[in-house]
Amino acid sequence: FLPARLRYLGAVPRDLAVTRSVSRQTPFVDAYPRSAPAASLDRIVAGLLSRAPPKTTGGMKLLLDGLLRSSAEGRG
């Protein structure tokens, strides 16, 4: 129902490194930087960073545009 397209970027595999890092209250990429989950997250982030930024047509821009418009109309 939302006008959005989702693209699969990858998955973070189950691994004991994640479980251990949760127990240590430390991000797994810091505690186990050479683990399979850390490598997977690196690939996902690299994929996100290689994309062009989306055109903003909603969200905060829509909210701010509406607020600015109503503010300008109130002054008129």
PDB file of N, CA and C in Angstrom:
ATOM      1  N   PHE A   1       0.801  -1.189   0.000  1.00  0.00           N
ATOM      2  CA  PHE A   1       0.000   0.000   0.000  1.00  0.00           C
ATOM      3  C   PHE A   1       0.854   1.267   0.000  1.00  0.00           C
ATOM      4  N   LEU A   2       2.133   1.158   0.292  1.00  0.00           N
ATOM      5  CA  LEU A   2       3.015   2.319   0.259  1.00  0.00           C
ATOM      6  C   LEU A   2       3.730   2.376  -1.087  1.00  0.00           C
ATOM      7  N   PRO A   3       3.914   3.567  -1.624  1.00  0.00           N
ATOM      8  CA  PRO A   3       4.588   3.675  -2.920  1.00  0.00           C
ATOM      9  C   PRO A   3       6.104   3.609  -2.764  1.00  0.00           C
ATOM     10  N   ALA A   4       6.589   2.458  -2.334  1.00  0.00           N
ATOM     11  CA  ALA A   4       8.031   2.287  -2.135  1.00  0.00           C
ATOM     12  C   ALA A   4       8.465   0.964  -2.734  1.00  0.00           C
ATOM     13  N   ARG A   5       9.657   0.972  -3.261  1.00  0.00           N
ATOM     14  CA  ARG A   5      10.242  -0.266  -3.776  1.00  0.00           C
ATOM     15  C   ARG A   5      11.376  -0.680  -2.853  1.00  0.00           C
ATOM     16  N   LEU A   6      11.356  -1.919  -2.462  1.00  0.00           N
ATOM     17  CA  LEU A   6      12.399  -2.450  -1.603  1.00  0.00           C
ATOM     18  C   LEU A   6      13.339  -3.301  -2.436  1.00  0.00           C
ATOM     19  N   ARG A   7      14.612  -3.105  -2.217  1.00  0.00           N
ATOM     20  CA  ARG A   7      15.617  -3.923  -2.899  1.00  0.00           C
ATOM     21  C   ARG A   7      16.414  -4.679  -1.853  1.00  0.00           C
ATOM     22  N   TYR A   8      16.611  -5.949  -2.123  1.00  0.00           N
ATOM     23  CA  TYR A   8      17.364  -6.795  -1.203  1.00  0.00           C
ATOM     24  C   TYR A   8      18.840  -6.395  -1.251  1.00  0.00           C
ATOM     25  N   LEU A   9      19.395  -6.076  -0.103  1.00  0.00           N
ATOM     26  CA  LEU A   9      20.790  -5.659  -0.028  1.00  0.00           C
ATOM     27  C   LEU A   9      21.682  -6.725   0.568  1.00  0.00           C
ATOM     28  N   GLY A  10      21.097  -7.703   1.215  1.00  0.00           N
ATOM     29  CA  GLY A  10      21.892  -8.762   1.824  1.00  0.00           C
ATOM     30  C   GLY A  10      21.313  -9.151   3.166  1.00  0.00           C
ATOM     31  N   ALA A  11      22.008 -10.040   3.820  1.00  0.00           N
ATOM     32  CA  ALA A  11      21.566 -10.537   5.116  1.00  0.00           C
ATOM     33  C   ALA A  11      22.765 -10.640   6.049  1.00  0.00           C
ATOM     34  N   VAL A  12      22.492 -10.562   7.322  1.00  0.00           N
ATOM     35  CA  VAL A  12      23.532 -10.768   8.333  1.00  0.00           C
ATOM     36  C   VAL A  12      23.301 -12.168   8.892  1.00  0.00           C
ATOM     37  N   PRO A  13      24.265 -13.072   8.691  1.00  0.00           N
ATOM     38  CA  PRO A  13      24.053 -14.454   9.122  1.00  0.00           C
ATOM     39  C   PRO A  13      24.066 -14.605  10.642  1.00  0.00           C
ATOM     40  N   ARG A  14      23.360 -15.641  11.089  1.00  0.00           N
ATOM     41  CA  ARG A  14      23.416 -15.971  12.516  1.00  0.00           C
ATOM     42  C   ARG A  14      24.824 -16.422  12.832  1.00  0.00           C
ATOM     43  N   ASP A  15      25.331 -15.941  13.943  1.00  0.00           N
ATOM     44  CA  ASP A  15      26.700 -16.270  14.291  1.00  0.00           C
ATOM     45  C   ASP A  15      26.874 -16.066  15.791  1.00  0.00           C
ATOM     46  N   LEU A  16      27.723 -16.852  16.380  1.00  0.00           N
ATOM     47  CA  LEU A  16      27.999 -16.743  17.803  1.00  0.00           C
ATOM     48  C   LEU A  16      28.615 -15.391  18.150  1.00  0.00           C
ATOM     49  N   ALA A  17      29.275 -14.763  17.201  1.00  0.00           N
ATOM     50  CA  ALA A  17      29.872 -13.442  17.441  1.00  0.00           C
ATOM     51  C   ALA A  17      28.803 -12.421  17.826  1.00  0.00           C
ATOM     52  N   VAL A  18      27.640 -12.497  17.211  1.00  0.00           N
ATOM     53  CA  VAL A  18      26.557 -11.558  17.527  1.00  0.00           C
ATOM     54  C   VAL A  18      26.038 -11.833  18.935  1.00  0.00           C
ATOM     55  N   THR A  19      25.824 -13.086  19.267  1.00  0.00           N
ATOM     56  CA  THR A  19      25.349 -13.452  20.597  1.00  0.00           C
ATOM     57  C   THR A  19      26.325 -12.998  21.669  1.00  0.00           C
ATOM     58  N   ARG A  20      27.595 -13.240  21.446  1.00  0.00           N
ATOM     59  CA  ARG A  20      28.616 -12.844  22.423  1.00  0.00           C
ATOM     60  C   ARG A  20      28.691 -11.318  22.558  1.00  0.00           C
ATOM     61  N   SER A  21      28.589 -10.628  21.455  1.00  0.00           N
ATOM     62  CA  SER A  21      28.691  -9.172  21.519  1.00  0.00           C
ATOM     63  C   SER A  21      27.486  -8.566  22.249  1.00  0.00           C
ATOM     64  N   VAL A  22      26.314  -9.179  22.111  1.00  0.00           N
ATOM     65  CA  VAL A  22      25.139  -8.711  22.856  1.00  0.00           C
ATOM     66  C   VAL A  22      25.389  -8.887  24.354  1.00  0.00           C
ATOM     67  N   SER A  23      25.930 -10.024  24.744  1.00  0.00           N
ATOM     68  CA  SER A  23      26.242 -10.271  26.159  1.00  0.00           C
ATOM     69  C   SER A  23      27.251  -9.259  26.685  1.00  0.00           C
ATOM     70  N   ARG A  24      28.178  -8.875  25.834  1.00  0.00           N
ATOM     71  CA  ARG A  24      29.216  -7.901  26.227  1.00  0.00           C
ATOM     72  C   ARG A  24      28.731  -6.462  26.090  1.00  0.00           C
ATOM     73  N   GLN A  25      27.540  -6.288  25.514  1.00  0.00           N
ATOM     74  CA  GLN A  25      26.971  -4.965  25.235  1.00  0.00           C
ATOM     75  C   GLN A  25      27.938  -4.131  24.392  1.00  0.00           C
ATOM     76  N   THR A  26      28.446  -4.788  23.361  1.00  0.00           N
ATOM     77  CA  THR A  26      29.390  -4.174  22.426  1.00  0.00           C
ATOM     78  C   THR A  26      28.931  -4.498  21.011  1.00  0.00           C
ATOM     79  N   PRO A  27      28.970  -3.538  20.092  1.00  0.00           N
ATOM     80  CA  PRO A  27      28.602  -3.857  18.705  1.00  0.00           C
ATOM     81  C   PRO A  27      29.487  -4.974  18.146  1.00  0.00           C
ATOM     82  N   PHE A  28      28.872  -5.906  17.441  1.00  0.00           N
ATOM     83  CA  PHE A  28      29.652  -7.035  16.931  1.00  0.00           C
ATOM     84  C   PHE A  28      30.714  -6.606  15.935  1.00  0.00           C
ATOM     85  N   VAL A  29      30.499  -5.498  15.249  1.00  0.00           N
ATOM     86  CA  VAL A  29      31.523  -5.029  14.292  1.00  0.00           C
ATOM     87  C   VAL A  29      32.755  -4.518  15.025  1.00  0.00           C
ATOM     88  N   ASP A  30      32.598  -4.090  16.287  1.00  0.00           N
ATOM     89  CA  ASP A  30      33.751  -3.679  17.094  1.00  0.00           C
ATOM     90  C   ASP A  30      34.388  -4.878  17.790  1.00  0.00           C
ATOM     91  N   ALA A  31      33.560  -5.735  18.377  1.00  0.00           N
ATOM     92  CA  ALA A  31      34.071  -6.876  19.132  1.00  0.00           C
ATOM     93  C   ALA A  31      34.655  -7.961  18.233  1.00  0.00           C
ATOM     94  N   TYR A  32      34.026  -8.174  17.069  1.00  0.00           N
ATOM     95  CA  TYR A  32      34.464  -9.237  16.157  1.00  0.00           C
ATOM     96  C   TYR A  32      34.498  -8.701  14.726  1.00  0.00           C
ATOM     97  N   PRO A  33      35.420  -7.794  14.425  1.00  0.00           N
ATOM     98  CA  PRO A  33      35.430  -7.147  13.111  1.00  0.00           C
ATOM     99  C   PRO A  33      35.712  -8.084  11.929  1.00  0.00           C
ATOM    100  N   ARG A  34      36.262  -9.239  12.196  1.00  0.00           N
ATOM    101  CA  ARG A  34      36.568 -10.189  11.105  1.00  0.00           C
ATOM    102  C   ARG A  34      35.551 -11.321  11.013  1.00  0.00           C
ATOM    103  N   SER A  35      34.432 -11.173  11.723  1.00  0.00           N
ATOM    104  CA  SER A  35      33.405 -12.220  11.708  1.00  0.00           C
ATOM    105  C   SER A  35      32.576 -12.140  10.430  1.00  0.00           C
ATOM    106  N   ALA A  36      31.860 -13.216  10.146  1.00  0.00           N
ATOM    107  CA  ALA A  36      30.987 -13.257   8.970  1.00  0.00           C
ATOM    108  C   ALA A  36      29.884 -12.190   9.044  1.00  0.00           C
ATOM    109  N   PRO A  37      29.259 -11.969  10.211  1.00  0.00           N
ATOM    110  CA  PRO A  37      28.246 -10.904  10.269  1.00  0.00           C
ATOM    111  C   PRO A  37      28.828  -9.517   9.993  1.00  0.00           C
ATOM    112  N   ALA A  38      30.024  -9.249  10.479  1.00  0.00           N
ATOM    113  CA  ALA A  38      30.649  -7.939  10.234  1.00  0.00           C
ATOM    114  C   ALA A  38      30.950  -7.761   8.752  1.00  0.00           C
ATOM    115  N   ALA A  39      31.432  -8.814   8.107  1.00  0.00           N
ATOM    116  CA  ALA A  39      31.714  -8.743   6.667  1.00  0.00           C
ATOM    117  C   ALA A  39      30.422  -8.533   5.878  1.00  0.00           C
ATOM    118  N   SER A  40      29.358  -9.199   6.285  1.00  0.00           N
ATOM    119  CA  SER A  40      28.070  -9.031   5.606  1.00  0.00           C
ATOM    120  C   SER A  40      27.557  -7.608   5.763  1.00  0.00           C
ATOM    121  N   LEU A  41      27.679  -7.069   6.950  1.00  0.00           N
ATOM    122  CA  LEU A  41      27.222  -5.697   7.181  1.00  0.00           C
ATOM    123  C   LEU A  41      28.058  -4.705   6.375  1.00  0.00           C
ATOM    124  N   ASP A  42      29.360  -4.967   6.251  1.00  0.00           N
ATOM    125  CA  ASP A  42      30.224  -4.124   5.408  1.00  0.00           C
ATOM    126  C   ASP A  42      29.735  -4.111   3.965  1.00  0.00           C
ATOM    127  N   ARG A  43      29.347  -5.270   3.446  1.00  0.00           N
ATOM    128  CA  ARG A  43      28.858  -5.345   2.060  1.00  0.00           C
ATOM    129  C   ARG A  43      27.536  -4.595   1.902  1.00  0.00           C
ATOM    130  N   ILE A  44      26.660  -4.718   2.886  1.00  0.00           N
ATOM    131  CA  ILE A  44      25.371  -4.018   2.833  1.00  0.00           C
ATOM    132  C   ILE A  44      25.591  -2.509   2.849  1.00  0.00           C
ATOM    133  N   VAL A  45      26.447  -2.043   3.736  1.00  0.00           N
ATOM    134  CA  VAL A  45      26.726  -0.609   3.831  1.00  0.00           C
ATOM    135  C   VAL A  45      27.374  -0.103   2.553  1.00  0.00           C
ATOM    136  N   ALA A  46      28.324  -0.867   2.004  1.00  0.00           N
ATOM    137  CA  ALA A  46      28.967  -0.462   0.751  1.00  0.00           C
ATOM    138  C   ALA A  46      27.940  -0.354  -0.370  1.00  0.00           C
ATOM    139  N   GLY A  47      26.983  -1.265  -0.401  1.00  0.00           N
ATOM    140  CA  GLY A  47      25.924  -1.209  -1.403  1.00  0.00           C
ATOM    141  C   GLY A  47      25.046   0.020  -1.236  1.00  0.00           C
ATOM    142  N   LEU A  48      24.749   0.380   0.000  1.00  0.00           N
ATOM    143  CA  LEU A  48      23.945   1.575   0.252  1.00  0.00           C
ATOM    144  C   LEU A  48      24.697   2.847  -0.131  1.00  0.00           C
ATOM    145  N   LEU A  49      25.972   2.893   0.202  1.00  0.00           N
ATOM    146  CA  LEU A  49      26.762   4.089  -0.079  1.00  0.00           C
ATOM    147  C   LEU A  49      27.052   4.278  -1.560  1.00  0.00           C
ATOM    148  N   SER A  50      26.979   3.208  -2.327  1.00  0.00           N
ATOM    149  CA  SER A  50      27.265   3.313  -3.757  1.00  0.00           C
ATOM    150  C   SER A  50      26.068   3.817  -4.562  1.00  0.00           C
ATOM    151  N   ARG A  51      24.921   3.932  -3.918  1.00  0.00           N
ATOM    152  CA  ARG A  51      23.701   4.390  -4.595  1.00  0.00           C
ATOM    153  C   ARG A  51      23.576   5.907  -4.554  1.00  0.00           C
ATOM    154  N   ALA A  52      22.883   6.427  -5.531  1.00  0.00           N
ATOM    155  CA  ALA A  52      22.571   7.857  -5.528  1.00  0.00           C
ATOM    156  C   ALA A  52      21.540   8.109  -4.439  1.00  0.00           C
ATOM    157  N   PRO A  53      21.602   9.249  -3.783  1.00  0.00           N
ATOM    158  CA  PRO A  53      20.605   9.528  -2.747  1.00  0.00           C
ATOM    159  C   PRO A  53      19.213   9.636  -3.356  1.00  0.00           C
ATOM    160  N   PRO A  54      18.199   9.176  -2.626  1.00  0.00           N
ATOM    161  CA  PRO A  54      16.837   9.231  -3.162  1.00  0.00           C
ATOM    162  C   PRO A  54      16.339  10.667  -3.260  1.00  0.00           C
ATOM    163  N   LYS A  55      15.459  10.893  -4.214  1.00  0.00           N
ATOM    164  CA  LYS A  55      14.812  12.198  -4.308  1.00  0.00           C
ATOM    165  C   LYS A  55      13.788  12.285  -3.185  1.00  0.00           C
ATOM    166  N   THR A  56      13.824  13.359  -2.457  1.00  0.00           N
ATOM    167  CA  THR A  56      12.930  13.516  -1.322  1.00  0.00           C
ATOM    168  C   THR A  56      11.609  14.111  -1.788  1.00  0.00           C
ATOM    169  N   THR A  57      10.551  13.353  -1.609  1.00  0.00           N
ATOM    170  CA  THR A  57       9.229  13.846  -1.982  1.00  0.00           C
ATOM    171  C   THR A  57       8.257  13.773  -0.817  1.00  0.00           C
ATOM    172  N   GLY A  58       8.680  13.218   0.271  1.00  0.00           N
ATOM    173  CA  GLY A  58       7.790  13.080   1.416  1.00  0.00           C
ATOM    174  C   GLY A  58       8.579  13.203   2.694  1.00  0.00           C
ATOM    175  N   GLY A  59       8.079  12.615   3.733  1.00  0.00           N
ATOM    176  CA  GLY A  59       8.772  12.612   5.003  1.00  0.00           C
ATOM    177  C   GLY A  59       8.954  14.002   5.564  1.00  0.00           C
ATOM    178  N   MET A  60      10.147  14.264   6.068  1.00  0.00           N
ATOM    179  CA  MET A  60      10.432  15.551   6.700  1.00  0.00           C
ATOM    180  C   MET A  60      10.289  16.712   5.726  1.00  0.00           C
ATOM    181  N   LYS A  61      10.706  16.523   4.478  1.00  0.00           N
ATOM    182  CA  LYS A  61      10.591  17.602   3.500  1.00  0.00           C
ATOM    183  C   LYS A  61       9.119  17.980   3.321  1.00  0.00           C
ATOM    184  N   LEU A  62       8.260  16.998   3.177  1.00  0.00           N
ATOM    185  CA  LEU A  62       6.834  17.264   3.024  1.00  0.00           C
ATOM    186  C   LEU A  62       6.280  17.985   4.251  1.00  0.00           C
ATOM    187  N   LEU A  63       6.680  17.526   5.431  1.00  0.00           N
ATOM    188  CA  LEU A  63       6.220  18.150   6.660  1.00  0.00           C
ATOM    189  C   LEU A  63       6.690  19.602   6.745  1.00  0.00           C
ATOM    190  N   LEU A  64       7.973  19.838   6.502  1.00  0.00           N
ATOM    191  CA  LEU A  64       8.499  21.198   6.592  1.00  0.00           C
ATOM    192  C   LEU A  64       7.895  22.111   5.534  1.00  0.00           C
ATOM    193  N   ASP A  65       7.730  21.609   4.316  1.00  0.00           N
ATOM    194  CA  ASP A  65       7.099  22.418   3.267  1.00  0.00           C
ATOM    195  C   ASP A  65       5.684  22.827   3.677  1.00  0.00           C
ATOM    196  N   GLY A  66       4.946  21.896   4.251  1.00  0.00           N
ATOM    197  CA  GLY A  66       3.590  22.196   4.698  1.00  0.00           C
ATOM    198  C   GLY A  66       3.578  23.212   5.822  1.00  0.00           C
ATOM    199  N   LEU A  67       4.498  23.081   6.760  1.00  0.00           N
ATOM    200  CA  LEU A  67       4.567  24.039   7.858  1.00  0.00           C
ATOM    201  C   LEU A  67       4.936  25.427   7.359  1.00  0.00           C
ATOM    202  N   LEU A  68       5.902  25.491   6.454  1.00  0.00           N
ATOM    203  CA  LEU A  68       6.308  26.785   5.910  1.00  0.00           C
ATOM    204  C   LEU A  68       5.178  27.425   5.109  1.00  0.00           C
ATOM    205  N   ARG A  69       4.465  26.605   4.337  1.00  0.00           N
ATOM    206  CA  ARG A  69       3.358  27.120   3.530  1.00  0.00           C
ATOM    207  C   ARG A  69       2.251  27.667   4.417  1.00  0.00           C
ATOM    208  N   SER A  70       1.879  26.909   5.470  1.00  0.00           N
ATOM    209  CA  SER A  70       0.806  27.367   6.353  1.00  0.00           C
ATOM    210  C   SER A  70       1.241  28.588   7.153  1.00  0.00           C
ATOM    211  N   SER A  71       2.515  28.666   7.477  1.00  0.00           N
ATOM    212  CA  SER A  71       3.029  29.827   8.195  1.00  0.00           C
ATOM    213  C   SER A  71       2.968  31.071   7.306  1.00  0.00           C
ATOM    214  N   ALA A  72       3.338  30.910   6.036  1.00  0.00           N
ATOM    215  CA  ALA A  72       3.296  32.035   5.099  1.00  0.00           C
ATOM    216  C   ALA A  72       1.849  32.469   4.845  1.00  0.00           C
ATOM    217  N   GLU A  73       0.928  31.522   4.762  1.00  0.00           N
ATOM    218  CA  GLU A  73      -0.477  31.860   4.541  1.00  0.00           C
ATOM    219  C   GLU A  73      -1.058  32.585   5.736  1.00  0.00           C
ATOM    220  N   GLY A  74      -0.604  32.250   6.928  1.00  0.00           N
ATOM    221  CA  GLY A  74      -1.098  32.886   8.146  1.00  0.00           C
ATOM    222  C   GLY A  74      -0.662  34.340   8.261  1.00  0.00           C
ATOM    223  N   ARG A  75       0.475  34.659   7.654  1.00  0.00           N
ATOM    224  CA  ARG A  75       0.973  36.039   7.699  1.00  0.00           C
ATOM    225  C   ARG A  75       0.281  36.919   6.681  1.00  0.00           C
ATOM    226  N   GLY A  76      -0.244  36.326   5.633  1.00  0.00           N
ATOM    227  CA  GLY A  76      -0.768  37.080   4.494  1.00  0.00           C
ATOM    228  C   GLY A  76      -1.994  37.790   4.767  1.00  0.00           C
TER     229      GLY A  76
END
